[in-house]
PDB file of N, CA and C in Angstrom:
ATOM      1  N   MET A   1      -4.348   0.224  19.427  1.00  0.00           N
ATOM      2  CA  MET A   1      -5.079  -0.766  18.694  1.00  0.00           C
ATOM      3  C   MET A   1      -6.551  -0.385  18.713  1.00  0.00           C
ATOM      4  N   ARG A   2      -7.207  -0.464  17.561  1.00  0.00           N
ATOM      5  CA  ARG A   2      -8.617  -0.150  17.449  1.00  0.00           C
ATOM      6  C   ARG A   2      -9.428  -1.411  17.221  1.00  0.00           C
ATOM      7  N   LYS A   3     -10.560  -1.465  17.850  1.00  0.00           N
ATOM      8  CA  LYS A   3     -11.462  -2.581  17.663  1.00  0.00           C
ATOM      9  C   LYS A   3     -12.081  -2.508  16.267  1.00  0.00           C
ATOM     10  N   SER A   4     -12.294  -3.645  15.669  1.00  0.00           N
ATOM     11  CA  SER A   4     -12.919  -3.715  14.362  1.00  0.00           C
ATOM     12  C   SER A   4     -14.332  -3.152  14.429  1.00  0.00           C
ATOM     13  N   VAL A   5     -14.710  -2.380  13.418  1.00  0.00           N
ATOM     14  CA  VAL A   5     -16.051  -1.812  13.398  1.00  0.00           C
ATOM     15  C   VAL A   5     -16.995  -2.603  12.501  1.00  0.00           C
ATOM     16  N   GLY A   6     -16.471  -3.561  11.757  1.00  0.00           N
ATOM     17  CA  GLY A   6     -17.306  -4.325  10.846  1.00  0.00           C
ATOM     18  C   GLY A   6     -17.726  -5.658  11.433  1.00  0.00           C
ATOM     19  N   ARG A   7     -18.715  -6.244  10.803  1.00  0.00           N
ATOM     20  CA  ARG A   7     -19.150  -7.579  11.186  1.00  0.00           C
ATOM     21  C   ARG A   7     -18.254  -8.602  10.509  1.00  0.00           C
ATOM     22  N   THR A   8     -18.379  -9.829  10.918  1.00  0.00           N
ATOM     23  CA  THR A   8     -17.639 -10.910  10.294  1.00  0.00           C
ATOM     24  C   THR A   8     -17.975 -10.970   8.810  1.00  0.00           C
ATOM     25  N   GLY A   9     -16.941 -11.049   7.989  1.00  0.00           N
ATOM     26  CA  GLY A   9     -17.159 -11.130   6.551  1.00  0.00           C
ATOM     27  C   GLY A   9     -17.209  -9.790   5.850  1.00  0.00           C
ATOM     28  N   ILE A  10     -17.159  -8.698   6.593  1.00  0.00           N
ATOM     29  CA  ILE A  10     -17.161  -7.366   5.983  1.00  0.00           C
ATOM     30  C   ILE A  10     -15.714  -6.957   5.750  1.00  0.00           C
ATOM     31  N   ARG A  11     -15.386  -6.642   4.530  1.00  0.00           N
ATOM     32  CA  ARG A  11     -13.988  -6.424   4.177  1.00  0.00           C
ATOM     33  C   ARG A  11     -13.510  -4.986   4.331  1.00  0.00           C
ATOM     34  N   PHE A  12     -14.384  -4.034   4.619  1.00  0.00           N
ATOM     35  CA  PHE A  12     -13.975  -2.635   4.616  1.00  0.00           C
ATOM     36  C   PHE A  12     -12.973  -2.309   5.722  1.00  0.00           C
ATOM     37  N   ASP A  13     -13.007  -3.030   6.829  1.00  0.00           N
ATOM     38  CA  ASP A  13     -12.069  -2.795   7.915  1.00  0.00           C
ATOM     39  C   ASP A  13     -10.629  -3.041   7.498  1.00  0.00           C
ATOM     40  N   ASN A  14     -10.414  -4.081   6.744  1.00  0.00           N
ATOM     41  CA  ASN A  14      -9.048  -4.456   6.425  1.00  0.00           C
ATOM     42  C   ASN A  14      -8.758  -4.354   4.935  1.00  0.00           C
ATOM     43  N   SER A  15      -9.375  -3.409   4.263  1.00  0.00           N
ATOM     44  CA  SER A  15      -9.192  -3.295   2.821  1.00  0.00           C
ATOM     45  C   SER A  15      -7.748  -2.969   2.447  1.00  0.00           C
ATOM     46  N   MET A  16      -7.045  -2.192   3.269  1.00  0.00           N
ATOM     47  CA  MET A  16      -5.638  -1.889   2.959  1.00  0.00           C
ATOM     48  C   MET A  16      -4.777  -3.145   3.056  1.00  0.00           C
ATOM     49  N   ALA A  17      -5.019  -3.954   4.079  1.00  0.00           N
ATOM     50  CA  ALA A  17      -4.256  -5.201   4.221  1.00  0.00           C
ATOM     51  C   ALA A  17      -4.582  -6.149   3.075  1.00  0.00           C
ATOM     52  N   GLU A  18      -5.843  -6.251   2.712  1.00  0.00           N
ATOM     53  CA  GLU A  18      -6.219  -7.123   1.608  1.00  0.00           C
ATOM     54  C   GLU A  18      -5.599  -6.638   0.303  1.00  0.00           C
ATOM     55  N   SER A  19      -5.552  -5.344   0.109  1.00  0.00           N
ATOM     56  CA  SER A  19      -4.927  -4.784  -1.083  1.00  0.00           C
ATOM     57  C   SER A  19      -3.441  -5.116  -1.116  1.00  0.00           C
ATOM     58  N   PHE A  20      -2.773  -5.003   0.024  1.00  0.00           N
ATOM     59  CA  PHE A  20      -1.351  -5.330   0.102  1.00  0.00           C
ATOM     60  C   PHE A  20      -1.102  -6.788  -0.272  1.00  0.00           C
ATOM     61  N   PHE A  21      -1.864  -7.702   0.326  1.00  0.00           N
ATOM     62  CA  PHE A  21      -1.638  -9.121   0.061  1.00  0.00           C
ATOM     63  C   PHE A  21      -2.003  -9.488  -1.372  1.00  0.00           C
ATOM     64  N   ALA A  22      -3.009  -8.846  -1.947  1.00  0.00           N
ATOM     65  CA  ALA A  22      -3.342  -9.089  -3.350  1.00  0.00           C
ATOM     66  C   ALA A  22      -2.194  -8.649  -4.251  1.00  0.00           C
ATOM     67  N   THR A  23      -1.634  -7.480  -3.960  1.00  0.00           N
ATOM     68  CA  THR A  23      -0.501  -6.982  -4.734  1.00  0.00           C
ATOM     69  C   THR A  23       0.697  -7.901  -4.582  1.00  0.00           C
ATOM     70  N   LEU A  24       0.990  -8.308  -3.371  1.00  0.00           N
ATOM     71  CA  LEU A  24       2.116  -9.212  -3.119  1.00  0.00           C
ATOM     72  C   LEU A  24       1.966 -10.501  -3.917  1.00  0.00           C
ATOM     73  N   LYS A  25       0.782 -11.079  -3.891  1.00  0.00           N
ATOM     74  CA  LYS A  25       0.553 -12.329  -4.614  1.00  0.00           C
ATOM     75  C   LYS A  25       0.654 -12.131  -6.121  1.00  0.00           C
ATOM     76  N   ASN A  26       0.055 -11.059  -6.631  1.00  0.00           N
ATOM     77  CA  ASN A  26       0.062 -10.826  -8.078  1.00  0.00           C
ATOM     78  C   ASN A  26       1.442 -10.462  -8.611  1.00  0.00           C
ATOM     79  N   GLU A  27       2.174  -9.628  -7.884  1.00  0.00           N
ATOM     80  CA  GLU A  27       3.458  -9.146  -8.383  1.00  0.00           C
ATOM     81  C   GLU A  27       4.621 -10.077  -8.064  1.00  0.00           C
ATOM     82  N   ARG A  28       4.474 -10.930  -7.049  1.00  0.00           N
ATOM     83  CA  ARG A  28       5.622 -11.735  -6.660  1.00  0.00           C
ATOM     84  C   ARG A  28       5.335 -13.220  -6.505  1.00  0.00           C
ATOM     85  N   VAL A  29       4.443 -13.565  -5.629  1.00  0.00           N
ATOM     86  CA  VAL A  29       4.282 -14.966  -5.224  1.00  0.00           C
ATOM     87  C   VAL A  29       3.827 -15.850  -6.380  1.00  0.00           C
ATOM     88  N   HIS A  30       2.821 -15.428  -7.135  1.00  0.00           N
ATOM     89  CA  HIS A  30       2.298 -16.271  -8.212  1.00  0.00           C
ATOM     90  C   HIS A  30       3.220 -16.320  -9.428  1.00  0.00           C
ATOM     91  N   ARG A  31       4.237 -15.491  -9.457  1.00  0.00           N
ATOM     92  CA  ARG A  31       5.180 -15.468 -10.590  1.00  0.00           C
ATOM     93  C   ARG A  31       6.481 -16.193 -10.278  1.00  0.00           C
ATOM     94  N   THR A  32       6.590 -16.744  -9.088  1.00  0.00           N
ATOM     95  CA  THR A  32       7.847 -17.343  -8.651  1.00  0.00           C
ATOM     96  C   THR A  32       7.614 -18.750  -8.131  1.00  0.00           C
ATOM     97  N   VAL A  33       8.536 -19.643  -8.449  1.00  0.00           N
ATOM     98  CA  VAL A  33       8.512 -20.995  -7.888  1.00  0.00           C
ATOM     99  C   VAL A  33       9.578 -21.036  -6.806  1.00  0.00           C
ATOM    100  N   TYR A  34       9.167 -21.355  -5.599  1.00  0.00           N
ATOM    101  CA  TYR A  34      10.088 -21.390  -4.473  1.00  0.00           C
ATOM    102  C   TYR A  34      10.457 -22.836  -4.143  1.00  0.00           C
ATOM    103  N   PRO A  35      11.748 -23.160  -4.153  1.00  0.00           N
ATOM    104  CA  PRO A  35      12.154 -24.534  -3.852  1.00  0.00           C
ATOM    105  C   PRO A  35      11.970 -24.895  -2.372  1.00  0.00           C
ATOM    106  N   THR A  36      12.099 -23.902  -1.492  1.00  0.00           N
ATOM    107  CA  THR A  36      11.947 -24.158  -0.055  1.00  0.00           C
ATOM    108  C   THR A  36      11.172 -23.010   0.587  1.00  0.00           C
ATOM    109  N   ARG A  37      10.668 -23.268   1.761  1.00  0.00           N
ATOM    110  CA  ARG A  37       9.959 -22.233   2.517  1.00  0.00           C
ATOM    111  C   ARG A  37      10.911 -21.098   2.886  1.00  0.00           C
ATOM    112  N   GLU A  38      12.144 -21.437   3.228  1.00  0.00           N
ATOM    113  CA  GLU A  38      13.150 -20.425   3.581  1.00  0.00           C
ATOM    114  C   GLU A  38      13.430 -19.499   2.394  1.00  0.00           C
ATOM    115  N   HIS A  39      13.529 -20.066   1.204  1.00  0.00           N
ATOM    116  CA  HIS A  39      13.747 -19.258   0.006  1.00  0.00           C
ATOM    117  C   HIS A  39      12.569 -18.305  -0.213  1.00  0.00           C
ATOM    118  N   ALA A  40      11.364 -18.794  -0.034  1.00  0.00           N
ATOM    119  CA  ALA A  40      10.160 -17.957  -0.178  1.00  0.00           C
ATOM    120  C   ALA A  40      10.171 -16.834   0.848  1.00  0.00           C
ATOM    121  N   TYR A  41      10.488 -17.152   2.089  1.00  0.00           N
ATOM    122  CA  TYR A  41      10.525 -16.148   3.161  1.00  0.00           C
ATOM    123  C   TYR A  41      11.510 -15.032   2.815  1.00  0.00           C
ATOM    124  N   ARG A  42      12.715 -15.403   2.388  1.00  0.00           N
ATOM    125  CA  ARG A  42      13.730 -14.396   2.071  1.00  0.00           C
ATOM    126  C   ARG A  42      13.329 -13.547   0.863  1.00  0.00           C
ATOM    127  N   ASP A  43      12.789 -14.186  -0.156  1.00  0.00           N
ATOM    128  CA  ASP A  43      12.397 -13.465  -1.364  1.00  0.00           C
ATOM    129  C   ASP A  43      11.245 -12.494  -1.098  1.00  0.00           C
ATOM    130  N   ILE A  44      10.251 -12.942  -0.360  1.00  0.00           N
ATOM    131  CA  ILE A  44       9.102 -12.081  -0.059  1.00  0.00           C
ATOM    132  C   ILE A  44       9.519 -10.938   0.855  1.00  0.00           C
ATOM    133  N   SER A  45      10.367 -11.209   1.829  1.00  0.00           N
ATOM    134  CA  SER A  45      10.870 -10.142   2.705  1.00  0.00           C
ATOM    135  C   SER A  45      11.634  -9.094   1.909  1.00  0.00           C
ATOM    136  N   ARG A  46      12.471  -9.556   0.999  1.00  0.00           N
ATOM    137  CA  ARG A  46      13.244  -8.634   0.161  1.00  0.00           C
ATOM    138  C   ARG A  46      12.301  -7.812  -0.720  1.00  0.00           C
ATOM    139  N   TYR A  47      11.283  -8.437  -1.284  1.00  0.00           N
ATOM    140  CA  TYR A  47      10.314  -7.717  -2.117  1.00  0.00           C
ATOM    141  C   TYR A  47       9.631  -6.604  -1.312  1.00  0.00           C
ATOM    142  N   ILE A  48       9.207  -6.929  -0.103  1.00  0.00           N
ATOM    143  CA  ILE A  48       8.510  -5.940   0.723  1.00  0.00           C
ATOM    144  C   ILE A  48       9.429  -4.781   1.070  1.00  0.00           C
ATOM    145  N   GLU A  49      10.637  -5.078   1.521  1.00  0.00           N
ATOM    146  CA  GLU A  49      11.555  -4.022   1.958  1.00  0.00           C
ATOM    147  C   GLU A  49      12.128  -3.207   0.806  1.00  0.00           C
ATOM    148  N   VAL A  50      12.443  -3.853  -0.314  1.00  0.00           N
ATOM    149  CA  VAL A  50      13.110  -3.150  -1.408  1.00  0.00           C
ATOM    150  C   VAL A  50      12.121  -2.553  -2.403  1.00  0.00           C
ATOM    151  N   ARG A  51      11.123  -3.291  -2.803  1.00  0.00           N
ATOM    152  CA  ARG A  51      10.210  -2.812  -3.840  1.00  0.00           C
ATOM    153  C   ARG A  51       8.971  -2.134  -3.264  1.00  0.00           C
ATOM    154  N   TYR A  52       8.261  -2.837  -2.423  1.00  0.00           N
ATOM    155  CA  TYR A  52       6.956  -2.352  -1.984  1.00  0.00           C
ATOM    156  C   TYR A  52       7.080  -1.114  -1.096  1.00  0.00           C
ATOM    157  N   ASN A  53       7.924  -1.157  -0.095  1.00  0.00           N
ATOM    158  CA  ASN A  53       8.003  -0.042   0.859  1.00  0.00           C
ATOM    159  C   ASN A  53       8.707   1.187   0.319  1.00  0.00           C
ATOM    160  N   THR A  54       9.565   1.028  -0.668  1.00  0.00           N
ATOM    161  CA  THR A  54      10.346   2.183  -1.121  1.00  0.00           C
ATOM    162  C   THR A  54       9.902   2.753  -2.456  1.00  0.00           C
ATOM    163  N   LYS A  55       9.203   1.983  -3.274  1.00  0.00           N
ATOM    164  CA  LYS A  55       8.875   2.466  -4.623  1.00  0.00           C
ATOM    165  C   LYS A  55       7.391   2.535  -4.926  1.00  0.00           C
ATOM    166  N   ARG A  56       6.600   1.722  -4.288  1.00  0.00           N
ATOM    167  CA  ARG A  56       5.174   1.646  -4.636  1.00  0.00           C
ATOM    168  C   ARG A  56       4.389   2.731  -3.913  1.00  0.00           C
ATOM    169  N   ARG A  57       3.758   3.613  -4.678  1.00  0.00           N
ATOM    170  CA  ARG A  57       2.976   4.705  -4.110  1.00  0.00           C
ATOM    171  C   ARG A  57       1.548   4.232  -3.839  1.00  0.00           C
ATOM    172  N   HIS A  58       0.922   4.811  -2.798  1.00  0.00           N
ATOM    173  CA  HIS A  58      -0.407   4.376  -2.380  1.00  0.00           C
ATOM    174  C   HIS A  58      -1.356   5.557  -2.291  1.00  0.00           C
ATOM    175  N   SER A  59      -2.541   5.391  -2.846  1.00  0.00           N
ATOM    176  CA  SER A  59      -3.532   6.465  -2.784  1.00  0.00           C
ATOM    177  C   SER A  59      -3.953   6.719  -1.339  1.00  0.00           C
ATOM    178  N   GLY A  60      -4.006   5.679  -0.511  1.00  0.00           N
ATOM    179  CA  GLY A  60      -4.393   5.835   0.887  1.00  0.00           C
ATOM    180  C   GLY A  60      -3.356   6.588   1.715  1.00  0.00           C
ATOM    181  N   LEU A  61      -2.164   6.758   1.161  1.00  0.00           N
ATOM    182  CA  LEU A  61      -1.095   7.488   1.854  1.00  0.00           C
ATOM    183  C   LEU A  61      -0.779   8.804   1.144  1.00  0.00           C
ATOM    184  N   GLY A  62      -1.731   9.290   0.378  1.00  0.00           N
ATOM    185  CA  GLY A  62      -1.507  10.541  -0.340  1.00  0.00           C
ATOM    186  C   GLY A  62      -0.512  10.393  -1.478  1.00  0.00           C
ATOM    187  N   TYR A  63      -0.514   9.236  -2.114  1.00  0.00           N
ATOM    188  CA  TYR A  63       0.389   8.899  -3.218  1.00  0.00           C
ATOM    189  C   TYR A  63       1.854   9.030  -2.812  1.00  0.00           C
ATOM    190  N   ARG A  64       2.116   8.600  -1.594  1.00  0.00           N
ATOM    191  CA  ARG A  64       3.487   8.503  -1.096  1.00  0.00           C
ATOM    192  C   ARG A  64       3.791   7.041  -0.825  1.00  0.00           C
ATOM    193  N   THR A  65       5.067   6.722  -0.693  1.00  0.00           N
ATOM    194  CA  THR A  65       5.448   5.351  -0.388  1.00  0.00           C
ATOM    195  C   THR A  65       5.356   5.118   1.120  1.00  0.00           C
ATOM    196  N   PRO A  66       5.211   3.868   1.541  1.00  0.00           N
ATOM    197  CA  PRO A  66       5.219   3.588   2.978  1.00  0.00           C
ATOM    198  C   PRO A  66       6.487   4.105   3.663  1.00  0.00           C
ATOM    199  N   ARG A  67       7.619   4.055   2.985  1.00  0.00           N
ATOM    200  CA  ARG A  67       8.877   4.549   3.558  1.00  0.00           C
ATOM    201  C   ARG A  67       8.806   6.044   3.798  1.00  0.00           C
ATOM    202  N   GLU A  68       8.255   6.804   2.848  1.00  0.00           N
ATOM    203  CA  GLU A  68       8.134   8.256   3.010  1.00  0.00           C
ATOM    204  C   GLU A  68       7.243   8.602   4.198  1.00  0.00           C
ATOM    205  N   VAL A  69       6.141   7.890   4.337  1.00  0.00           N
ATOM    206  CA  VAL A  69       5.230   8.148   5.451  1.00  0.00           C
ATOM    207  C   VAL A  69       5.908   7.809   6.774  1.00  0.00           C
ATOM    208  N   HIS A  70       6.621   6.703   6.823  1.00  0.00           N
ATOM    209  CA  HIS A  70       7.321   6.297   8.044  1.00  0.00           C
ATOM    210  C   HIS A  70       8.401   7.316   8.415  1.00  0.00           C
ATOM    211  N   ASP A  71       9.184   7.744   7.425  1.00  0.00           N
ATOM    212  CA  ASP A  71      10.235   8.728   7.693  1.00  0.00           C
ATOM    213  C   ASP A  71       9.644  10.053   8.181  1.00  0.00           C
ATOM    214  N   GLU A  72       8.523  10.462   7.588  1.00  0.00           N
ATOM    215  CA  GLU A  72       7.860  11.694   8.037  1.00  0.00           C
ATOM    216  C   GLU A  72       7.399  11.564   9.488  1.00  0.00           C
ATOM    217  N   TYR A  73       6.856  10.413   9.829  1.00  0.00           N
ATOM    218  CA  TYR A  73       6.420  10.156  11.200  1.00  0.00           C
ATOM    219  C   TYR A  73       7.613  10.241  12.164  1.00  0.00           C
ATOM    220  N   LEU A  74       8.717   9.622  11.817  1.00  0.00           N
ATOM    221  CA  LEU A  74       9.906   9.667  12.700  1.00  0.00           C
ATOM    222  C   LEU A  74      10.426  11.088  12.856  1.00  0.00           C
ATOM    223  N   ASN A  75      10.422  11.864  11.784  1.00  0.00           N
ATOM    224  CA  ASN A  75      10.875  13.258  11.863  1.00  0.00           C
ATOM    225  C   ASN A  75       9.971  14.088  12.773  1.00  0.00           C
ATOM    226  N   GLN A  76       8.678  13.839  12.724  1.00  0.00           N
ATOM    227  CA  GLN A  76       7.736  14.547  13.598  1.00  0.00           C
ATOM    228  C   GLN A  76       7.971  14.167  15.058  1.00  0.00           C
ATOM    229  N   GLN A  77       8.286  12.911  15.316  1.00  0.00           N
ATOM    230  CA  GLN A  77       8.555  12.472  16.677  1.00  0.00           C
ATOM    231  C   GLN A  77       9.829  13.104  17.219  1.00  0.00           C
ATOM    232  N   LEU A  78      10.839  13.241  16.379  1.00  0.00           N
ATOM    233  CA  LEU A  78      12.083  13.865  16.811  1.00  0.00           C
ATOM    234  C   LEU A  78      11.903  15.358  17.069  1.00  0.00           C
ATOM    235  N   ALA A  79      11.049  16.000  16.274  1.00  0.00           N
ATOM    236  CA  ALA A  79      10.811  17.440  16.402  1.00  0.00           C
ATOM    237  C   ALA A  79       9.980  17.772  17.660  1.00  0.00           C
ATOM    238  N   ALA A  80       9.208  16.811  18.110  1.00  0.00           N
ATOM    239  CA  ALA A  80       8.322  17.070  19.255  1.00  0.00           C
ATOM    240  C   ALA A  80       9.030  17.046  20.581  1.00  0.00           C
TER     241      ALA A  80
END
């Protein structure tokens, strides 16, 4: 865990997290009406695991998906 290097209100520390939540809200949450909190939880979890982690490429990850980066990390750990 790394200590934050920014002051309160400075967004550069967590820009990747803010980008993720903005994408989640724009692509899923604001386009869907959820009848219950449980329905929202399941739908958002499914979106993250099926769409976001496996198909969405990120410039911060070298235009790879989070799944590709995670799998590469696991392969490096097994090889070591």
